[in-house]
């Protein structure tokens, strides 16, 4: 008999709900993560974590990312 792992299901669902699209947008615009890191004054590792949804930027930083030229 199959045992349903609710905890794993909930974790996967929450990750999908709170995923950002930073990586996809950077790829669409041809922008490198290193460039974004420099513009934000953040390390490459932090921006890479944002892009891979291992960490989520603050709302303030999301607005800063949206306004970066």
PDB file of N, CA and C in Angstrom:
ATOM      1  N   UNK A   1       0.837  -1.182   0.000  1.00  0.00           N
ATOM      2  CA  UNK A   1       0.000   0.000   0.000  1.00  0.00           C
ATOM      3  C   UNK A   1       0.882   1.247   0.000  1.00  0.00           C
ATOM      4  N   UNK A   2       0.519   2.218  -0.793  1.00  0.00           N
ATOM      5  CA  UNK A   2       1.286   3.463  -0.917  1.00  0.00           C
ATOM      6  C   UNK A   2       0.969   4.386   0.252  1.00  0.00           C
ATOM      7  N   UNK A   3       2.020   4.904   0.872  1.00  0.00           N
ATOM      8  CA  UNK A   3       1.850   5.853   1.974  1.00  0.00           C
ATOM      9  C   UNK A   3       2.115   7.251   1.444  1.00  0.00           C
ATOM     10  N   UNK A   4       1.152   8.148   1.585  1.00  0.00           N
ATOM     11  CA  UNK A   4       1.254   9.510   1.093  1.00  0.00           C
ATOM     12  C   UNK A   4       2.114  10.335   2.048  1.00  0.00           C
ATOM     13  N   UNK A   5       3.110  11.011   1.505  1.00  0.00           N
ATOM     14  CA  UNK A   5       3.989  11.855   2.301  1.00  0.00           C
ATOM     15  C   UNK A   5       3.496  13.300   2.183  1.00  0.00           C
ATOM     16  N   UNK A   6       2.610  13.672   3.084  1.00  0.00           N
ATOM     17  CA  UNK A   6       2.007  15.001   3.041  1.00  0.00           C
ATOM     18  C   UNK A   6       3.040  16.105   3.209  1.00  0.00           C
ATOM     19  N   UNK A   7       4.019  15.890   4.068  1.00  0.00           N
ATOM     20  CA  UNK A   7       5.038  16.900   4.319  1.00  0.00           C
ATOM     21  C   UNK A   7       5.821  17.210   3.042  1.00  0.00           C
ATOM     22  N   UNK A   8       6.220  16.210   2.307  1.00  0.00           N
ATOM     23  CA  UNK A   8       6.964  16.407   1.063  1.00  0.00           C
ATOM     24  C   UNK A   8       6.088  17.097   0.021  1.00  0.00           C
ATOM     25  N   UNK A   9       4.821  16.693  -0.030  1.00  0.00           N
ATOM     26  CA  UNK A   9       3.887  17.316  -0.969  1.00  0.00           C
ATOM     27  C   UNK A   9       3.704  18.790  -0.653  1.00  0.00           C
ATOM     28  N   UNK A  10       3.506  19.123   0.602  1.00  0.00           N
ATOM     29  CA  UNK A  10       3.310  20.502   1.023  1.00  0.00           C
ATOM     30  C   UNK A  10       4.551  21.348   0.736  1.00  0.00           C
ATOM     31  N   UNK A  11       5.725  20.784   1.002  1.00  0.00           N
ATOM     32  CA  UNK A  11       6.977  21.493   0.738  1.00  0.00           C
ATOM     33  C   UNK A  11       7.105  21.823  -0.754  1.00  0.00           C
ATOM     34  N   UNK A  12       6.835  20.862  -1.607  1.00  0.00           N
ATOM     35  CA  UNK A  12       6.928  21.072  -3.058  1.00  0.00           C
ATOM     36  C   UNK A  12       5.909  22.107  -3.521  1.00  0.00           C
ATOM     37  N   UNK A  13       4.716  22.056  -2.967  1.00  0.00           N
ATOM     38  CA  UNK A  13       3.671  23.009  -3.331  1.00  0.00           C
ATOM     39  C   UNK A  13       4.050  24.427  -2.921  1.00  0.00           C
ATOM     40  N   UNK A  14       4.555  24.584  -1.722  1.00  0.00           N
ATOM     41  CA  UNK A  14       4.963  25.906  -1.243  1.00  0.00           C
ATOM     42  C   UNK A  14       6.112  26.465  -2.070  1.00  0.00           C
ATOM     43  N   UNK A  15       7.049  25.614  -2.470  1.00  0.00           N
ATOM     44  CA  UNK A  15       8.158  26.078  -3.307  1.00  0.00           C
ATOM     45  C   UNK A  15       7.635  26.621  -4.632  1.00  0.00           C
ATOM     46  N   UNK A  16       6.649  25.958  -5.214  1.00  0.00           N
ATOM     47  CA  UNK A  16       6.093  26.430  -6.477  1.00  0.00           C
ATOM     48  C   UNK A  16       5.336  27.737  -6.295  1.00  0.00           C
ATOM     49  N   UNK A  17       4.637  27.877  -5.188  1.00  0.00           N
ATOM     50  CA  UNK A  17       3.877  29.096  -4.929  1.00  0.00           C
ATOM     51  C   UNK A  17       4.777  30.306  -4.743  1.00  0.00           C
ATOM     52  N   UNK A  18       5.948  30.099  -4.143  1.00  0.00           N
ATOM     53  CA  UNK A  18       6.825  31.207  -3.814  1.00  0.00           C
ATOM     54  C   UNK A  18       8.036  31.323  -4.727  1.00  0.00           C
ATOM     55  N   UNK A  19       7.972  30.673  -5.874  1.00  0.00           N
ATOM     56  CA  UNK A  19       9.072  30.769  -6.820  1.00  0.00           C
ATOM     57  C   UNK A  19       9.070  32.131  -7.482  1.00  0.00           C
ATOM     58  N   UNK A  20      10.239  32.649  -7.750  1.00  0.00           N
ATOM     59  CA  UNK A  20      10.330  33.893  -8.505  1.00  0.00           C
ATOM     60  C   UNK A  20      10.778  33.554  -9.926  1.00  0.00           C
ATOM     61  N   UNK A  21      10.704  34.537 -10.796  1.00  0.00           N
ATOM     62  CA  UNK A  21      11.056  34.333 -12.206  1.00  0.00           C
ATOM     63  C   UNK A  21      12.313  35.091 -12.595  1.00  0.00           C
ATOM     64  N   UNK A  22      13.150  35.415 -11.637  1.00  0.00           N
ATOM     65  CA  UNK A  22      14.340  36.215 -11.926  1.00  0.00           C
ATOM     66  C   UNK A  22      15.201  35.545 -12.992  1.00  0.00           C
ATOM     67  N   UNK A  23      15.451  34.264 -12.836  1.00  0.00           N
ATOM     68  CA  UNK A  23      16.314  33.555 -13.790  1.00  0.00           C
ATOM     69  C   UNK A  23      15.733  33.599 -15.201  1.00  0.00           C
ATOM     70  N   UNK A  24      14.426  33.355 -15.326  1.00  0.00           N
ATOM     71  CA  UNK A  24      13.796  33.363 -16.648  1.00  0.00           C
ATOM     72  C   UNK A  24      13.861  34.744 -17.288  1.00  0.00           C
ATOM     73  N   UNK A  25      13.605  35.787 -16.497  1.00  0.00           N
ATOM     74  CA  UNK A  25      13.630  37.148 -17.030  1.00  0.00           C
ATOM     75  C   UNK A  25      15.040  37.526 -17.465  1.00  0.00           C
ATOM     76  N   UNK A  26      16.039  37.168 -16.674  1.00  0.00           N
ATOM     77  CA  UNK A  26      17.423  37.452 -17.070  1.00  0.00           C
ATOM     78  C   UNK A  26      17.760  36.769 -18.387  1.00  0.00           C
ATOM     79  N   UNK A  27      17.339  35.516 -18.530  1.00  0.00           N
ATOM     80  CA  UNK A  27      17.608  34.783 -19.774  1.00  0.00           C
ATOM     81  C   UNK A  27      16.892  35.427 -20.953  1.00  0.00           C
ATOM     82  N   UNK A  28      15.624  35.832 -20.752  1.00  0.00           N
ATOM     83  CA  UNK A  28      14.862  36.476 -21.827  1.00  0.00           C
ATOM     84  C   UNK A  28      15.533  37.769 -22.289  1.00  0.00           C
ATOM     85  N   UNK A  29      16.109  38.508 -21.352  1.00  0.00           N
ATOM     86  CA  UNK A  29      16.723  39.798 -21.671  1.00  0.00           C
ATOM     87  C   UNK A  29      18.208  39.684 -21.996  1.00  0.00           C
ATOM     88  N   UNK A  30      18.772  38.471 -21.882  1.00  0.00           N
ATOM     89  CA  UNK A  30      20.186  38.271 -22.180  1.00  0.00           C
ATOM     90  C   UNK A  30      21.103  38.920 -21.150  1.00  0.00           C
ATOM     91  N   UNK A  31      20.666  38.971 -19.905  1.00  0.00           N
ATOM     92  CA  UNK A  31      21.434  39.601 -18.823  1.00  0.00           C
ATOM     93  C   UNK A  31      22.085  38.516 -17.969  1.00  0.00           C
ATOM     94  N   UNK A  32      23.330  38.726 -17.611  1.00  0.00           N
ATOM     95  CA  UNK A  32      24.078  37.773 -16.787  1.00  0.00           C
ATOM     96  C   UNK A  32      23.823  38.035 -15.299  1.00  0.00           C
ATOM     97  N   UNK A  33      23.866  36.974 -14.525  1.00  0.00           N
ATOM     98  CA  UNK A  33      23.702  37.093 -13.073  1.00  0.00           C
ATOM     99  C   UNK A  33      24.799  37.956 -12.462  1.00  0.00           C
ATOM    100  N   UNK A  34      25.992  37.888 -13.016  1.00  0.00           N
ATOM    101  CA  UNK A  34      27.102  38.693 -12.490  1.00  0.00           C
ATOM    102  C   UNK A  34      26.826  40.179 -12.670  1.00  0.00           C
ATOM    103  N   UNK A  35      26.227  40.545 -13.794  1.00  0.00           N
ATOM    104  CA  UNK A  35      25.880  41.947 -14.047  1.00  0.00           C
ATOM    105  C   UNK A  35      24.845  42.427 -13.029  1.00  0.00           C
ATOM    106  N   UNK A  36      23.810  41.602 -12.808  1.00  0.00           N
ATOM    107  CA  UNK A  36      22.774  41.963 -11.849  1.00  0.00           C
ATOM    108  C   UNK A  36      23.354  42.087 -10.445  1.00  0.00           C
ATOM    109  N   UNK A  37      24.226  41.167 -10.087  1.00  0.00           N
ATOM    110  CA  UNK A  37      24.857  41.216  -8.762  1.00  0.00           C
ATOM    111  C   UNK A  37      25.617  42.524  -8.577  1.00  0.00           C
ATOM    112  N   UNK A  38      26.337  42.931  -9.592  1.00  0.00           N
ATOM    113  CA  UNK A  38      27.101  44.179  -9.522  1.00  0.00           C
ATOM    114  C   UNK A  38      26.171  45.384  -9.377  1.00  0.00           C
ATOM    115  N   UNK A  39      25.094  45.419 -10.158  1.00  0.00           N
ATOM    116  CA  UNK A  39      24.140  46.530 -10.099  1.00  0.00           C
ATOM    117  C   UNK A  39      23.437  46.618  -8.748  1.00  0.00           C
ATOM    118  N   UNK A  40      23.201  45.462  -8.120  1.00  0.00           N
ATOM    119  CA  UNK A  40      22.499  45.437  -6.832  1.00  0.00           C
ATOM    120  C   UNK A  40      23.439  45.595  -5.639  1.00  0.00           C
ATOM    121  N   UNK A  41      24.749  45.464  -5.896  1.00  0.00           N
ATOM    122  CA  UNK A  41      25.701  45.502  -4.789  1.00  0.00           C
ATOM    123  C   UNK A  41      25.642  44.240  -3.945  1.00  0.00           C
ATOM    124  N   UNK A  42      25.302  43.132  -4.593  1.00  0.00           N
ATOM    125  CA  UNK A  42      25.206  41.833  -3.924  1.00  0.00           C
ATOM    126  C   UNK A  42      26.256  40.900  -4.515  1.00  0.00           C
ATOM    127  N   UNK A  43      26.566  39.852  -3.791  1.00  0.00           N
ATOM    128  CA  UNK A  43      27.514  38.877  -4.330  1.00  0.00           C
ATOM    129  C   UNK A  43      26.828  38.021  -5.393  1.00  0.00           C
ATOM    130  N   UNK A  44      27.645  37.429  -6.255  1.00  0.00           N
ATOM    131  CA  UNK A  44      27.109  36.514  -7.268  1.00  0.00           C
ATOM    132  C   UNK A  44      26.353  35.378  -6.599  1.00  0.00           C
ATOM    133  N   UNK A  45      26.888  34.863  -5.485  1.00  0.00           N
ATOM    134  CA  UNK A  45      26.248  33.721  -4.820  1.00  0.00           C
ATOM    135  C   UNK A  45      24.838  34.056  -4.348  1.00  0.00           C
ATOM    136  N   UNK A  46      24.637  35.257  -3.842  1.00  0.00           N
ATOM    137  CA  UNK A  46      23.295  35.659  -3.380  1.00  0.00           C
ATOM    138  C   UNK A  46      22.341  35.734  -4.574  1.00  0.00           C
ATOM    139  N   UNK A  47      22.779  36.387  -5.649  1.00  0.00           N
ATOM    140  CA  UNK A  47      21.924  36.507  -6.837  1.00  0.00           C
ATOM    141  C   UNK A  47      21.649  35.132  -7.424  1.00  0.00           C
ATOM    142  N   UNK A  48      22.634  34.271  -7.430  1.00  0.00           N
ATOM    143  CA  UNK A  48      22.447  32.907  -7.919  1.00  0.00           C
ATOM    144  C   UNK A  48      21.412  32.174  -7.069  1.00  0.00           C
ATOM    145  N   UNK A  49      21.437  32.381  -5.768  1.00  0.00           N
ATOM    146  CA  UNK A  49      20.424  31.777  -4.886  1.00  0.00           C
ATOM    147  C   UNK A  49      19.030  32.301  -5.220  1.00  0.00           C
ATOM    148  N   UNK A  50      18.910  33.608  -5.512  1.00  0.00           N
ATOM    149  CA  UNK A  50      17.621  34.165  -5.931  1.00  0.00           C
ATOM    150  C   UNK A  50      17.158  33.506  -7.226  1.00  0.00           C
ATOM    151  N   UNK A  51      18.071  33.374  -8.176  1.00  0.00           N
ATOM    152  CA  UNK A  51      17.731  32.817  -9.483  1.00  0.00           C
ATOM    153  C   UNK A  51      17.320  31.355  -9.408  1.00  0.00           C
ATOM    154  N   UNK A  52      17.856  30.649  -8.456  1.00  0.00           N
ATOM    155  CA  UNK A  52      17.548  29.220  -8.314  1.00  0.00           C
ATOM    156  C   UNK A  52      16.553  28.953  -7.193  1.00  0.00           C
ATOM    157  N   UNK A  53      15.913  30.001  -6.699  1.00  0.00           N
ATOM    158  CA  UNK A  53      14.866  29.906  -5.685  1.00  0.00           C
ATOM    159  C   UNK A  53      15.305  29.210  -4.405  1.00  0.00           C
ATOM    160  N   UNK A  54      16.581  29.336  -4.094  1.00  0.00           N
ATOM    161  CA  UNK A  54      17.064  28.831  -2.802  1.00  0.00           C
ATOM    162  C   UNK A  54      16.878  29.890  -1.724  1.00  0.00           C
ATOM    163  N   UNK A  55      16.669  31.122  -2.164  1.00  0.00           N
ATOM    164  CA  UNK A  55      16.492  32.275  -1.286  1.00  0.00           C
ATOM    165  C   UNK A  55      15.588  33.244  -2.026  1.00  0.00           C
ATOM    166  N   UNK A  56      14.779  33.997  -1.302  1.00  0.00           N
ATOM    167  CA  UNK A  56      13.891  34.962  -1.929  1.00  0.00           C
ATOM    168  C   UNK A  56      14.317  36.378  -1.555  1.00  0.00           C
ATOM    169  N   UNK A  57      14.357  37.279  -2.538  1.00  0.00           N
ATOM    170  CA  UNK A  57      14.713  38.667  -2.239  1.00  0.00           C
ATOM    171  C   UNK A  57      13.579  39.360  -1.484  1.00  0.00           C
ATOM    172  N   UNK A  58      13.931  40.397  -0.746  1.00  0.00           N
ATOM    173  CA  UNK A  58      12.917  41.184  -0.046  1.00  0.00           C
ATOM    174  C   UNK A  58      12.082  41.935  -1.082  1.00  0.00           C
ATOM    175  N   UNK A  59      10.928  42.423  -0.660  1.00  0.00           N
ATOM    176  CA  UNK A  59      10.071  43.184  -1.552  1.00  0.00           C
ATOM    177  C   UNK A  59      10.796  44.433  -2.052  1.00  0.00           C
ATOM    178  N   UNK A  60      11.536  45.074  -1.169  1.00  0.00           N
ATOM    179  CA  UNK A  60      12.309  46.253  -1.548  1.00  0.00           C
ATOM    180  C   UNK A  60      13.313  45.907  -2.655  1.00  0.00           C
ATOM    181  N   UNK A  61      13.982  44.769  -2.507  1.00  0.00           N
ATOM    182  CA  UNK A  61      14.965  44.364  -3.509  1.00  0.00           C
ATOM    183  C   UNK A  61      14.295  43.973  -4.829  1.00  0.00           C
ATOM    184  N   UNK A  62      13.113  43.403  -4.763  1.00  0.00           N
ATOM    185  CA  UNK A  62      12.385  43.054  -5.992  1.00  0.00           C
ATOM    186  C   UNK A  62      12.117  44.324  -6.803  1.00  0.00           C
ATOM    187  N   UNK A  63      11.707  45.400  -6.116  1.00  0.00           N
ATOM    188  CA  UNK A  63      11.471  46.660  -6.820  1.00  0.00           C
ATOM    189  C   UNK A  63      12.782  47.211  -7.386  1.00  0.00           C
ATOM    190  N   UNK A  64      13.876  47.037  -6.651  1.00  0.00           N
ATOM    191  CA  UNK A  64      15.180  47.481  -7.147  1.00  0.00           C
ATOM    192  C   UNK A  64      15.584  46.683  -8.380  1.00  0.00           C
ATOM    193  N   UNK A  65      15.360  45.382  -8.356  1.00  0.00           N
ATOM    194  CA  UNK A  65      15.671  44.525  -9.508  1.00  0.00           C
ATOM    195  C   UNK A  65      14.851  44.964 -10.714  1.00  0.00           C
ATOM    196  N   UNK A  66      13.583  45.263 -10.490  1.00  0.00           N
ATOM    197  CA  UNK A  66      12.692  45.664 -11.581  1.00  0.00           C
ATOM    198  C   UNK A  66      13.145  46.971 -12.221  1.00  0.00           C
ATOM    199  N   UNK A  67      13.797  47.836 -11.457  1.00  0.00           N
ATOM    200  CA  UNK A  67      14.211  49.137 -11.982  1.00  0.00           C
ATOM    201  C   UNK A  67      15.635  49.208 -12.469  1.00  0.00           C
ATOM    202  N   UNK A  68      16.364  48.105 -12.422  1.00  0.00           N
ATOM    203  CA  UNK A  68      17.764  48.108 -12.844  1.00  0.00           C
ATOM    204  C   UNK A  68      17.867  48.267 -14.352  1.00  0.00           C
ATOM    205  N   UNK A  69      18.748  49.164 -14.783  1.00  0.00           N
ATOM    206  CA  UNK A  69      19.000  49.366 -16.222  1.00  0.00           C
ATOM    207  C   UNK A  69      20.423  49.070 -16.547  1.00  0.00           C
TER     208      UNK A  69
END
